[in-house]
């Protein structure tokens, strides 16, 4: 996987701003979650859009992830700050050049992503497929992450839609994020007020 453009730095939101509209119990629960480690929120509609794009071909395909970044209050294993990373959308790279093991994307996808951003959103990371190869970061993927996605909040998402596997990596050193830190949403339901649903979604090709 290679890129041919370098994004600029992007701002992050404060935890106070993110929690300002939440009820006390909800805010307290979010704070507790962020004391443990970074939490990535990956909604079903974004998953479906990525699957629709990458499952149309047996070559590598990919694009950019849009989202909101909020700094947390905890400290990660590598000494960084925990974060709440909410993925809000994706921008597929329509004109990418790919093979079974290689993918190159150009400046067009960066321009499309910047045009799609809302005021409180950033380019939060990237995604690409490894059809029937397994979900992992290759040496080229690691170099791409360090060179083009060097913010602490930068997400690298790999999906093998054939084997139903996925993997998540974070920051310039591509720290792998465990599946229990990937949530479909943070929704506070009526049956258990203050308890967000943070169960990871199943991986299914459509």
N, C-alpha and C. Protein backbone atom coordinates (compact mmCIF):
# COMPACT_ATOMS: atom_id res chain seq x y z
N UNK A 1 0.84 -1.19 0.00
CA UNK A 1 0.00 0.00 0.00
C UNK A 1 0.88 1.24 0.00
N UNK A 2 0.67 2.15 -0.97
CA UNK A 2 1.43 3.39 -1.04
C UNK A 2 0.50 4.57 -1.28
N UNK A 3 0.92 5.73 -0.78
CA UNK A 3 0.21 6.98 -1.00
C UNK A 3 1.13 7.94 -1.74
N UNK A 4 0.51 8.93 -2.40
CA UNK A 4 1.31 9.91 -3.14
C UNK A 4 0.98 11.34 -2.74
N UNK A 5 0.49 11.52 -1.51
CA UNK A 5 0.23 12.87 -1.00
C UNK A 5 0.35 12.84 0.51
N UNK A 6 0.66 13.97 1.10
CA UNK A 6 0.83 14.07 2.54
C UNK A 6 -0.16 15.05 3.11
N UNK A 7 -1.04 14.61 4.04
CA UNK A 7 -2.02 15.51 4.64
C UNK A 7 -1.38 16.44 5.65
N UNK A 8 -2.03 17.56 5.92
CA UNK A 8 -1.56 18.46 6.95
C UNK A 8 -2.03 18.03 8.32
N UNK A 9 -1.56 18.73 9.36
CA UNK A 9 -1.96 18.43 10.72
C UNK A 9 -3.43 18.81 10.91
N UNK A 10 -4.11 18.08 11.80
CA UNK A 10 -5.52 18.33 12.05
C UNK A 10 -5.74 18.54 13.54
N UNK A 11 -6.72 19.36 13.92
CA UNK A 11 -6.99 19.61 15.33
C UNK A 11 -7.77 18.47 15.97
N UNK A 12 -7.81 18.47 17.30
CA UNK A 12 -8.61 17.51 18.04
C UNK A 12 -9.57 18.26 18.94
N UNK A 13 -10.63 17.58 19.37
CA UNK A 13 -11.63 18.17 20.24
C UNK A 13 -11.25 17.94 21.70
N UNK A 14 -11.72 18.82 22.57
CA UNK A 14 -11.49 18.62 23.99
C UNK A 14 -12.55 17.69 24.56
N UNK A 15 -12.18 16.96 25.60
CA UNK A 15 -13.12 16.05 26.24
C UNK A 15 -14.30 16.81 26.83
N UNK A 16 -14.05 18.01 27.34
CA UNK A 16 -15.12 18.82 27.92
C UNK A 16 -16.18 19.16 26.88
N UNK A 17 -15.74 19.50 25.67
CA UNK A 17 -16.69 19.83 24.61
C UNK A 17 -17.52 18.61 24.21
N UNK A 18 -16.87 17.45 24.11
CA UNK A 18 -17.57 16.23 23.70
C UNK A 18 -18.60 15.80 24.73
N UNK A 19 -18.30 15.96 26.01
CA UNK A 19 -19.19 15.47 27.07
C UNK A 19 -20.21 16.51 27.52
N UNK A 20 -20.14 17.73 27.02
CA UNK A 20 -20.99 18.81 27.50
C UNK A 20 -22.47 18.49 27.37
N UNK A 21 -22.87 17.78 26.31
CA UNK A 21 -24.29 17.51 26.09
C UNK A 21 -24.73 16.16 26.63
N UNK A 22 -23.82 15.40 27.24
CA UNK A 22 -24.17 14.08 27.74
C UNK A 22 -24.71 14.18 29.16
N UNK A 23 -25.66 13.29 29.53
CA UNK A 23 -26.09 13.22 30.94
C UNK A 23 -24.90 12.84 31.83
N UNK A 24 -25.03 13.13 33.12
CA UNK A 24 -23.92 12.88 34.04
C UNK A 24 -23.47 11.43 34.02
N UNK A 25 -24.44 10.49 34.08
CA UNK A 25 -24.07 9.08 34.13
C UNK A 25 -23.37 8.65 32.84
N UNK A 26 -23.84 9.18 31.71
CA UNK A 26 -23.20 8.85 30.43
C UNK A 26 -21.79 9.39 30.38
N UNK A 27 -21.62 10.63 30.78
CA UNK A 27 -20.29 11.24 30.77
C UNK A 27 -19.33 10.47 31.69
N UNK A 28 -19.83 10.06 32.85
CA UNK A 28 -18.99 9.32 33.79
C UNK A 28 -18.54 8.00 33.19
N UNK A 29 -19.43 7.31 32.48
CA UNK A 29 -19.09 6.03 31.87
C UNK A 29 -18.05 6.21 30.76
N UNK A 30 -18.22 7.25 29.95
CA UNK A 30 -17.24 7.52 28.89
C UNK A 30 -15.87 7.80 29.49
N UNK A 31 -15.85 8.59 30.57
CA UNK A 31 -14.59 8.87 31.25
C UNK A 31 -13.94 7.58 31.75
N UNK A 32 -14.74 6.67 32.28
CA UNK A 32 -14.21 5.40 32.78
C UNK A 32 -13.60 4.58 31.65
N UNK A 33 -14.29 4.55 30.52
CA UNK A 33 -13.78 3.80 29.37
C UNK A 33 -12.45 4.37 28.88
N UNK A 34 -12.35 5.69 28.90
CA UNK A 34 -11.15 6.34 28.38
C UNK A 34 -10.00 6.32 29.38
N UNK A 35 -10.26 5.93 30.60
CA UNK A 35 -9.17 5.71 31.54
C UNK A 35 -8.41 4.43 31.20
N UNK A 36 -9.10 3.48 30.54
CA UNK A 36 -8.52 2.16 30.26
C UNK A 36 -7.64 2.18 29.01
N UNK A 37 -8.18 2.72 27.92
CA UNK A 37 -7.44 2.74 26.65
C UNK A 37 -8.27 3.53 25.65
N UNK A 38 -7.69 3.76 24.48
CA UNK A 38 -8.41 4.43 23.40
C UNK A 38 -9.59 3.58 22.95
N UNK A 39 -10.69 4.25 22.59
CA UNK A 39 -11.89 3.58 22.10
C UNK A 39 -12.19 4.09 20.70
N UNK A 40 -12.37 3.16 19.76
CA UNK A 40 -12.71 3.50 18.38
C UNK A 40 -14.17 3.15 18.14
N UNK A 41 -14.95 4.11 17.68
CA UNK A 41 -16.36 3.89 17.37
C UNK A 41 -16.49 3.75 15.86
N UNK A 42 -16.96 2.58 15.41
CA UNK A 42 -17.01 2.21 13.99
C UNK A 42 -18.44 1.82 13.65
N UNK A 43 -19.28 2.77 13.21
CA UNK A 43 -20.70 2.49 12.98
C UNK A 43 -20.95 1.50 11.85
N UNK A 44 -22.10 0.83 11.91
CA UNK A 44 -22.46 -0.16 10.91
C UNK A 44 -22.55 0.43 9.51
N UNK A 45 -23.03 1.68 9.39
CA UNK A 45 -23.19 2.25 8.05
C UNK A 45 -21.85 2.50 7.37
N UNK A 46 -20.82 2.85 8.16
CA UNK A 46 -19.49 3.04 7.58
C UNK A 46 -18.89 1.69 7.20
N UNK A 47 -19.08 0.70 8.05
CA UNK A 47 -18.62 -0.65 7.72
C UNK A 47 -19.24 -1.14 6.42
N UNK A 48 -20.54 -0.92 6.28
CA UNK A 48 -21.23 -1.36 5.06
C UNK A 48 -20.69 -0.65 3.82
N UNK A 49 -20.40 0.65 3.94
CA UNK A 49 -19.88 1.41 2.81
C UNK A 49 -18.49 0.91 2.40
N UNK A 50 -17.65 0.59 3.39
CA UNK A 50 -16.32 0.06 3.09
C UNK A 50 -16.43 -1.30 2.43
N UNK A 51 -17.27 -2.17 2.97
CA UNK A 51 -17.46 -3.50 2.38
C UNK A 51 -17.98 -3.41 0.95
N UNK A 52 -18.90 -2.51 0.72
CA UNK A 52 -19.45 -2.34 -0.63
C UNK A 52 -18.35 -1.98 -1.62
N UNK A 53 -17.40 -1.16 -1.16
CA UNK A 53 -16.31 -0.74 -2.04
C UNK A 53 -15.29 -1.86 -2.26
N UNK A 54 -14.78 -2.44 -1.19
CA UNK A 54 -13.66 -3.37 -1.33
C UNK A 54 -14.06 -4.75 -1.83
N UNK A 55 -15.32 -5.16 -1.62
CA UNK A 55 -15.72 -6.51 -2.01
C UNK A 55 -16.12 -6.62 -3.47
N UNK A 56 -15.91 -5.55 -4.23
CA UNK A 56 -16.22 -5.60 -5.67
C UNK A 56 -15.03 -6.09 -6.47
N UNK A 57 -13.88 -6.32 -5.83
CA UNK A 57 -12.69 -6.70 -6.58
C UNK A 57 -11.78 -7.57 -5.73
N UNK A 58 -11.01 -8.43 -6.39
CA UNK A 58 -10.05 -9.28 -5.70
C UNK A 58 -8.67 -8.64 -5.63
N UNK A 59 -8.53 -7.41 -6.09
CA UNK A 59 -7.28 -6.67 -5.89
C UNK A 59 -7.44 -5.80 -4.65
N UNK A 60 -6.33 -5.30 -4.13
CA UNK A 60 -6.39 -4.41 -2.97
C UNK A 60 -7.12 -3.13 -3.34
N UNK A 61 -8.01 -2.70 -2.44
CA UNK A 61 -8.73 -1.45 -2.61
C UNK A 61 -8.74 -0.73 -1.27
N UNK A 62 -8.96 0.59 -1.29
CA UNK A 62 -8.91 1.32 -0.04
C UNK A 62 -9.45 2.72 -0.14
N UNK A 63 -9.13 3.53 0.86
CA UNK A 63 -9.61 4.91 0.91
C UNK A 63 -9.27 5.54 2.24
N UNK A 64 -9.93 6.65 2.53
CA UNK A 64 -9.69 7.41 3.75
C UNK A 64 -10.88 7.33 4.70
N UNK A 65 -10.59 7.49 5.98
CA UNK A 65 -11.61 7.51 7.02
C UNK A 65 -11.77 8.92 7.56
N UNK A 66 -13.02 9.34 7.75
CA UNK A 66 -13.34 10.63 8.34
C UNK A 66 -13.84 10.42 9.77
N UNK A 67 -13.63 11.40 10.62
CA UNK A 67 -14.14 11.22 11.97
C UNK A 67 -13.82 12.37 12.91
N UNK A 68 -14.17 12.16 14.18
CA UNK A 68 -13.94 13.14 15.24
C UNK A 68 -12.97 12.55 16.26
N UNK A 69 -12.10 13.39 16.75
CA UNK A 69 -11.06 12.98 17.70
C UNK A 69 -11.24 13.74 19.01
N UNK A 70 -11.33 13.01 20.12
CA UNK A 70 -11.41 13.62 21.44
C UNK A 70 -10.33 13.02 22.32
N UNK A 71 -9.54 13.87 22.96
CA UNK A 71 -8.51 13.36 23.86
C UNK A 71 -9.15 12.88 25.16
N UNK A 72 -8.59 11.80 25.69
CA UNK A 72 -9.12 11.23 26.93
C UNK A 72 -8.30 11.64 28.14
N UNK A 73 -8.50 10.90 29.23
CA UNK A 73 -7.83 11.25 30.49
C UNK A 73 -6.85 10.19 30.93
N UNK A 74 -6.86 9.04 30.23
CA UNK A 74 -5.97 7.95 30.62
C UNK A 74 -4.66 7.98 29.86
N UNK A 75 -3.79 7.03 30.20
CA UNK A 75 -2.49 6.90 29.55
C UNK A 75 -2.40 5.50 28.96
N UNK A 76 -2.00 5.42 27.68
CA UNK A 76 -1.90 4.14 27.00
C UNK A 76 -0.61 3.42 27.39
N UNK A 77 -0.48 2.17 26.94
CA UNK A 77 0.69 1.37 27.28
C UNK A 77 1.98 1.97 26.75
N UNK A 78 1.88 2.71 25.64
CA UNK A 78 3.08 3.32 25.07
C UNK A 78 3.31 4.75 25.56
N UNK A 79 2.55 5.16 26.59
CA UNK A 79 2.77 6.46 27.20
C UNK A 79 1.99 7.60 26.59
N UNK A 80 1.15 7.32 25.61
CA UNK A 80 0.34 8.36 24.99
C UNK A 80 -0.96 8.59 25.72
N UNK A 81 -1.73 9.56 25.24
CA UNK A 81 -3.02 9.89 25.84
C UNK A 81 -4.10 9.02 25.22
N UNK A 82 -5.03 8.51 26.01
CA UNK A 82 -6.16 7.78 25.45
C UNK A 82 -7.04 8.74 24.66
N UNK A 83 -7.80 8.20 23.71
CA UNK A 83 -8.64 9.02 22.85
C UNK A 83 -9.96 8.33 22.57
N UNK A 84 -10.97 9.13 22.30
CA UNK A 84 -12.23 8.66 21.75
C UNK A 84 -12.21 9.00 20.27
N UNK A 85 -12.17 7.99 19.41
CA UNK A 85 -12.07 8.18 17.97
C UNK A 85 -13.36 7.71 17.33
N UNK A 86 -14.16 8.65 16.85
CA UNK A 86 -15.46 8.34 16.25
C UNK A 86 -15.34 8.42 14.73
N UNK A 87 -15.41 7.28 14.06
CA UNK A 87 -15.38 7.25 12.60
C UNK A 87 -16.77 7.61 12.10
N UNK A 88 -16.86 8.64 11.28
CA UNK A 88 -18.17 9.13 10.82
C UNK A 88 -18.43 8.85 9.35
N UNK A 89 -17.38 8.50 8.60
CA UNK A 89 -17.58 8.26 7.17
C UNK A 89 -16.31 7.75 6.54
N UNK A 90 -16.41 7.43 5.26
CA UNK A 90 -15.24 6.97 4.50
C UNK A 90 -15.32 7.53 3.09
N UNK A 91 -14.16 7.69 2.48
CA UNK A 91 -14.07 8.16 1.09
C UNK A 91 -13.25 7.15 0.32
N UNK A 92 -13.90 6.30 -0.49
CA UNK A 92 -13.16 5.30 -1.28
C UNK A 92 -12.28 5.97 -2.32
N UNK A 93 -11.15 5.34 -2.60
CA UNK A 93 -10.27 5.82 -3.66
C UNK A 93 -10.68 5.16 -4.96
N UNK A 94 -11.47 5.89 -5.75
CA UNK A 94 -12.06 5.32 -6.96
C UNK A 94 -11.01 5.06 -8.03
N UNK A 95 -10.03 5.93 -8.16
CA UNK A 95 -9.06 5.80 -9.23
C UNK A 95 -7.77 5.12 -8.82
N UNK A 96 -7.81 4.32 -7.75
CA UNK A 96 -6.59 3.68 -7.27
C UNK A 96 -6.10 2.60 -8.23
N UNK A 97 -4.81 2.33 -8.17
CA UNK A 97 -4.20 1.25 -8.95
C UNK A 97 -3.83 0.13 -7.99
N UNK A 98 -4.38 -1.06 -8.23
CA UNK A 98 -4.15 -2.15 -7.30
C UNK A 98 -3.89 -3.48 -7.96
N UNK A 99 -3.21 -4.36 -7.20
CA UNK A 99 -3.04 -5.76 -7.57
C UNK A 99 -3.48 -6.60 -6.38
N UNK A 100 -3.26 -7.89 -6.39
CA UNK A 100 -3.63 -8.73 -5.26
C UNK A 100 -2.85 -8.36 -4.00
N UNK A 101 -1.66 -7.77 -4.17
CA UNK A 101 -0.80 -7.50 -3.01
C UNK A 101 -0.30 -6.06 -2.93
N UNK A 102 -0.86 -5.17 -3.76
CA UNK A 102 -0.30 -3.82 -3.81
C UNK A 102 -1.38 -2.83 -4.20
N UNK A 103 -1.29 -1.62 -3.64
CA UNK A 103 -2.28 -0.58 -3.92
C UNK A 103 -1.62 0.79 -3.86
N UNK A 104 -1.88 1.62 -4.86
CA UNK A 104 -1.39 2.99 -4.88
C UNK A 104 -2.56 3.95 -5.04
N UNK A 105 -2.66 4.95 -4.17
CA UNK A 105 -3.72 5.95 -4.25
C UNK A 105 -3.09 7.33 -4.40
N UNK A 106 -3.75 8.20 -5.18
CA UNK A 106 -3.15 9.50 -5.48
C UNK A 106 -3.87 10.63 -4.76
N UNK A 107 -3.59 11.86 -5.18
CA UNK A 107 -4.10 13.05 -4.48
C UNK A 107 -5.61 13.22 -4.59
N UNK A 108 -6.23 12.58 -5.56
CA UNK A 108 -7.67 12.77 -5.76
C UNK A 108 -8.47 12.38 -4.52
N UNK A 109 -8.06 11.29 -3.85
CA UNK A 109 -8.82 10.85 -2.68
C UNK A 109 -8.66 11.82 -1.51
N UNK A 110 -7.46 12.44 -1.38
CA UNK A 110 -7.28 13.45 -0.34
C UNK A 110 -8.19 14.65 -0.58
N UNK A 111 -8.25 15.09 -1.84
CA UNK A 111 -9.10 16.24 -2.16
C UNK A 111 -10.57 15.93 -1.90
N UNK A 112 -11.00 14.73 -2.29
CA UNK A 112 -12.40 14.33 -2.06
C UNK A 112 -12.71 14.26 -0.57
N UNK A 113 -11.76 13.75 0.22
CA UNK A 113 -11.98 13.63 1.66
C UNK A 113 -12.08 15.01 2.31
N UNK A 114 -11.20 15.92 1.93
CA UNK A 114 -11.24 17.26 2.52
C UNK A 114 -12.56 17.96 2.19
N UNK A 115 -13.08 17.75 0.99
CA UNK A 115 -14.35 18.36 0.61
C UNK A 115 -15.52 17.77 1.39
N UNK A 116 -15.38 16.52 1.83
CA UNK A 116 -16.47 15.83 2.54
C UNK A 116 -16.47 16.11 4.04
N UNK A 117 -15.42 16.72 4.57
CA UNK A 117 -15.32 16.94 6.01
C UNK A 117 -16.33 17.95 6.52
N UNK A 118 -16.93 17.66 7.67
CA UNK A 118 -17.72 18.63 8.40
C UNK A 118 -16.78 19.44 9.30
N UNK A 119 -17.24 20.57 9.83
CA UNK A 119 -16.34 21.45 10.61
C UNK A 119 -15.66 20.77 11.79
N UNK A 120 -16.31 19.79 12.43
CA UNK A 120 -15.71 19.16 13.61
C UNK A 120 -15.01 17.84 13.28
N UNK A 121 -14.79 17.57 11.99
CA UNK A 121 -14.20 16.30 11.57
C UNK A 121 -12.79 16.49 11.02
N UNK A 122 -12.05 15.39 11.03
CA UNK A 122 -10.71 15.35 10.45
C UNK A 122 -10.58 14.09 9.61
N UNK A 123 -9.52 14.04 8.79
CA UNK A 123 -9.17 12.77 8.15
C UNK A 123 -8.50 11.94 9.24
N UNK A 124 -9.24 10.96 9.72
CA UNK A 124 -8.85 10.25 10.94
C UNK A 124 -8.00 9.02 10.65
N UNK A 125 -7.91 8.63 9.38
CA UNK A 125 -7.10 7.46 9.05
C UNK A 125 -7.38 6.94 7.66
N UNK A 126 -7.07 5.68 7.45
CA UNK A 126 -7.20 5.06 6.12
C UNK A 126 -7.60 3.60 6.27
N UNK A 127 -8.09 3.05 5.18
CA UNK A 127 -8.46 1.63 5.17
C UNK A 127 -8.01 1.02 3.86
N UNK A 128 -7.76 -0.27 3.90
CA UNK A 128 -7.52 -1.01 2.66
C UNK A 128 -7.79 -2.49 2.89
N UNK A 129 -7.91 -3.22 1.79
CA UNK A 129 -8.28 -4.62 1.86
C UNK A 129 -7.07 -5.52 1.59
N UNK A 130 -7.15 -6.73 2.15
CA UNK A 130 -6.21 -7.81 1.87
C UNK A 130 -7.04 -9.04 1.48
N UNK A 131 -7.62 -9.07 0.28
CA UNK A 131 -8.54 -10.16 -0.06
C UNK A 131 -7.88 -11.54 -0.03
N UNK A 132 -8.35 -12.36 0.90
CA UNK A 132 -7.92 -13.75 1.09
C UNK A 132 -6.45 -13.86 1.49
N UNK A 133 -5.89 -12.80 2.07
CA UNK A 133 -4.50 -12.83 2.53
C UNK A 133 -4.39 -12.72 4.05
N UNK A 134 -5.49 -12.39 4.72
CA UNK A 134 -5.47 -12.15 6.15
C UNK A 134 -5.37 -10.67 6.47
N UNK A 135 -5.76 -10.30 7.68
CA UNK A 135 -5.75 -8.90 8.10
C UNK A 135 -4.49 -8.64 8.91
N UNK A 136 -3.56 -7.88 8.35
CA UNK A 136 -2.30 -7.55 9.01
C UNK A 136 -1.72 -6.32 8.32
N UNK A 137 -0.71 -5.73 8.93
CA UNK A 137 0.03 -4.64 8.32
C UNK A 137 1.32 -5.20 7.72
N UNK A 138 1.50 -5.04 6.43
CA UNK A 138 2.75 -5.43 5.79
C UNK A 138 3.83 -4.40 6.10
N UNK A 139 5.05 -4.68 5.68
CA UNK A 139 6.12 -3.72 5.86
C UNK A 139 5.83 -2.41 5.16
N UNK A 140 5.25 -2.49 3.95
CA UNK A 140 4.87 -1.27 3.22
C UNK A 140 3.78 -0.51 3.95
N UNK A 141 2.82 -1.24 4.52
CA UNK A 141 1.75 -0.59 5.29
C UNK A 141 2.31 0.16 6.49
N UNK A 142 3.28 -0.45 7.17
CA UNK A 142 3.90 0.21 8.32
C UNK A 142 4.61 1.49 7.91
N UNK A 143 5.31 1.44 6.78
CA UNK A 143 6.00 2.64 6.30
C UNK A 143 5.00 3.72 5.89
N UNK A 144 3.88 3.31 5.29
CA UNK A 144 2.83 4.25 4.91
C UNK A 144 2.24 4.92 6.14
N UNK A 145 2.00 4.14 7.19
CA UNK A 145 1.44 4.70 8.42
C UNK A 145 2.38 5.74 9.01
N UNK A 146 3.66 5.42 9.07
CA UNK A 146 4.62 6.35 9.66
C UNK A 146 4.77 7.63 8.83
N UNK A 147 4.71 7.49 7.51
CA UNK A 147 4.98 8.63 6.64
C UNK A 147 3.76 9.53 6.45
N UNK A 148 2.57 8.95 6.34
CA UNK A 148 1.39 9.72 5.95
C UNK A 148 0.33 9.83 7.06
N UNK A 149 0.42 8.98 8.07
CA UNK A 149 -0.59 8.96 9.14
C UNK A 149 0.13 8.95 10.48
N UNK A 150 0.89 10.01 10.71
CA UNK A 150 1.80 10.06 11.85
C UNK A 150 1.20 10.72 13.09
N UNK A 151 -0.06 11.16 13.03
CA UNK A 151 -0.70 11.70 14.23
C UNK A 151 -0.99 10.56 15.22
N UNK A 152 -1.05 10.90 16.49
CA UNK A 152 -1.36 9.89 17.50
C UNK A 152 -2.73 9.25 17.25
N UNK A 153 -3.64 10.01 16.66
CA UNK A 153 -5.00 9.50 16.43
C UNK A 153 -5.17 8.79 15.10
N UNK A 154 -4.13 8.72 14.28
CA UNK A 154 -4.28 8.16 12.93
C UNK A 154 -4.55 6.66 12.98
N UNK A 155 -5.66 6.27 12.36
CA UNK A 155 -6.11 4.88 12.34
C UNK A 155 -5.69 4.22 11.03
N UNK A 156 -5.23 2.99 11.13
CA UNK A 156 -5.02 2.14 9.96
C UNK A 156 -5.91 0.92 10.11
N UNK A 157 -6.83 0.72 9.17
CA UNK A 157 -7.80 -0.37 9.24
C UNK A 157 -7.61 -1.30 8.04
N UNK A 158 -7.42 -2.58 8.31
CA UNK A 158 -7.25 -3.59 7.26
C UNK A 158 -8.38 -4.60 7.36
N UNK A 159 -8.99 -4.89 6.24
CA UNK A 159 -10.09 -5.86 6.22
C UNK A 159 -9.86 -6.91 5.13
N UNK A 160 -9.96 -8.17 5.53
CA UNK A 160 -10.00 -9.28 4.58
C UNK A 160 -11.44 -9.76 4.53
N UNK A 161 -12.16 -9.31 3.51
CA UNK A 161 -13.60 -9.62 3.44
C UNK A 161 -13.85 -11.07 3.03
N UNK A 162 -12.84 -11.76 2.54
CA UNK A 162 -12.99 -13.16 2.15
C UNK A 162 -12.93 -14.06 3.39
N UNK A 163 -11.92 -13.83 4.23
CA UNK A 163 -11.74 -14.64 5.44
C UNK A 163 -12.50 -14.08 6.64
N UNK A 164 -13.17 -12.96 6.46
CA UNK A 164 -13.88 -12.30 7.56
C UNK A 164 -12.94 -11.96 8.71
N UNK A 165 -11.84 -11.30 8.35
CA UNK A 165 -10.86 -10.87 9.35
C UNK A 165 -10.67 -9.36 9.23
N UNK A 166 -10.29 -8.74 10.33
CA UNK A 166 -9.96 -7.33 10.31
C UNK A 166 -8.93 -7.02 11.40
N UNK A 167 -8.20 -5.94 11.22
CA UNK A 167 -7.21 -5.52 12.21
C UNK A 167 -7.14 -4.00 12.22
N UNK A 168 -6.85 -3.46 13.41
CA UNK A 168 -6.81 -2.02 13.62
C UNK A 168 -5.44 -1.62 14.17
N UNK A 169 -4.90 -0.52 13.65
CA UNK A 169 -3.60 -0.03 14.08
C UNK A 169 -3.71 1.47 14.32
N UNK A 170 -2.88 1.97 15.23
CA UNK A 170 -3.04 3.36 15.66
C UNK A 170 -1.68 4.05 15.80
N UNK A 171 -1.63 5.28 15.29
CA UNK A 171 -0.47 6.14 15.48
C UNK A 171 0.71 5.79 14.59
N UNK A 172 1.77 6.58 14.66
CA UNK A 172 2.92 6.39 13.77
C UNK A 172 3.63 5.06 13.96
N UNK A 173 3.53 4.47 15.15
CA UNK A 173 4.16 3.17 15.40
C UNK A 173 3.21 2.01 15.15
N UNK A 174 2.00 2.32 14.68
CA UNK A 174 1.01 1.30 14.30
C UNK A 174 0.75 0.31 15.44
N UNK A 175 0.46 0.85 16.63
CA UNK A 175 0.10 -0.01 17.76
C UNK A 175 -1.22 -0.72 17.45
N UNK A 176 -1.24 -2.03 17.56
CA UNK A 176 -2.46 -2.77 17.24
C UNK A 176 -3.48 -2.60 18.36
N UNK A 177 -4.71 -2.31 17.97
CA UNK A 177 -5.80 -2.08 18.92
C UNK A 177 -6.60 -3.37 19.07
N UNK A 178 -6.82 -3.86 20.29
CA UNK A 178 -7.57 -5.11 20.47
C UNK A 178 -9.04 -4.94 20.07
N UNK A 179 -9.67 -6.01 19.62
CA UNK A 179 -11.06 -5.91 19.13
C UNK A 179 -12.05 -5.42 20.17
N UNK A 180 -11.78 -5.64 21.45
CA UNK A 180 -12.73 -5.17 22.47
C UNK A 180 -12.75 -3.67 22.61
N UNK A 181 -11.82 -2.96 21.96
CA UNK A 181 -11.82 -1.50 21.99
C UNK A 181 -12.44 -0.91 20.73
N UNK A 182 -13.10 -1.74 19.92
CA UNK A 182 -13.82 -1.28 18.73
C UNK A 182 -15.31 -1.40 19.01
N UNK A 183 -16.04 -0.30 18.92
CA UNK A 183 -17.46 -0.29 19.25
C UNK A 183 -18.31 0.09 18.04
N UNK A 184 -19.49 -0.46 17.96
CA UNK A 184 -20.43 -0.07 16.90
C UNK A 184 -20.95 1.33 17.15
N UNK A 185 -21.12 1.67 18.40
CA UNK A 185 -21.62 2.98 18.79
C UNK A 185 -21.45 3.11 20.30
N UNK A 186 -21.64 4.30 20.78
CA UNK A 186 -21.78 4.50 22.23
C UNK A 186 -23.21 4.99 22.42
N UNK A 187 -24.08 4.05 22.74
CA UNK A 187 -25.50 4.37 22.86
C UNK A 187 -25.96 4.02 24.26
N UNK A 188 -26.62 4.95 24.90
CA UNK A 188 -27.10 4.75 26.26
C UNK A 188 -28.57 4.36 26.19
N UNK A 189 -28.83 3.07 26.49
CA UNK A 189 -30.18 2.54 26.28
C UNK A 189 -31.06 2.74 27.50
N UNK A 190 -32.34 2.46 27.30
CA UNK A 190 -33.34 2.70 28.35
C UNK A 190 -33.26 1.66 29.46
N UNK A 191 -32.80 0.45 29.14
CA UNK A 191 -32.83 -0.61 30.14
C UNK A 191 -31.68 -0.48 31.14
N UNK A 192 -30.61 0.13 30.72
CA UNK A 192 -29.46 0.30 31.63
C UNK A 192 -28.89 1.69 31.45
N UNK A 193 -29.53 2.70 32.02
CA UNK A 193 -29.07 4.07 31.84
C UNK A 193 -27.60 4.22 32.24
N UNK A 194 -26.88 4.94 31.43
CA UNK A 194 -25.48 5.17 31.73
C UNK A 194 -24.54 4.09 31.25
N UNK A 195 -25.08 3.00 30.66
CA UNK A 195 -24.23 1.93 30.19
C UNK A 195 -24.23 1.93 28.65
N UNK A 196 -23.12 2.34 28.02
CA UNK A 196 -23.08 2.37 26.57
C UNK A 196 -22.91 0.98 25.99
N UNK A 197 -23.52 0.75 24.84
CA UNK A 197 -23.33 -0.49 24.10
C UNK A 197 -22.02 -0.35 23.33
N UNK A 198 -21.01 -1.12 23.71
CA UNK A 198 -19.71 -1.02 23.05
C UNK A 198 -19.29 -2.37 22.47
N UNK A 199 -20.27 -3.20 22.16
CA UNK A 199 -19.95 -4.51 21.59
C UNK A 199 -19.45 -4.35 20.16
N UNK A 200 -18.35 -5.04 19.79
CA UNK A 200 -17.85 -4.93 18.43
C UNK A 200 -18.80 -5.61 17.46
N UNK A 201 -18.96 -5.08 16.25
CA UNK A 201 -19.86 -5.66 15.26
C UNK A 201 -19.25 -6.87 14.60
N UNK A 202 -20.09 -7.82 14.11
CA UNK A 202 -19.55 -8.95 13.35
C UNK A 202 -19.08 -8.48 11.99
N UNK A 203 -18.12 -9.19 11.43
CA UNK A 203 -17.61 -8.86 10.10
C UNK A 203 -18.33 -9.71 9.08
N UNK A 204 -19.17 -9.10 8.25
CA UNK A 204 -19.91 -9.84 7.24
C UNK A 204 -19.86 -9.10 5.93
N UNK A 205 -19.53 -9.78 4.86
CA UNK A 205 -19.52 -9.17 3.53
C UNK A 205 -20.93 -9.12 2.99
N UNK A 206 -21.23 -8.04 2.28
CA UNK A 206 -22.58 -7.87 1.72
C UNK A 206 -22.48 -7.65 0.22
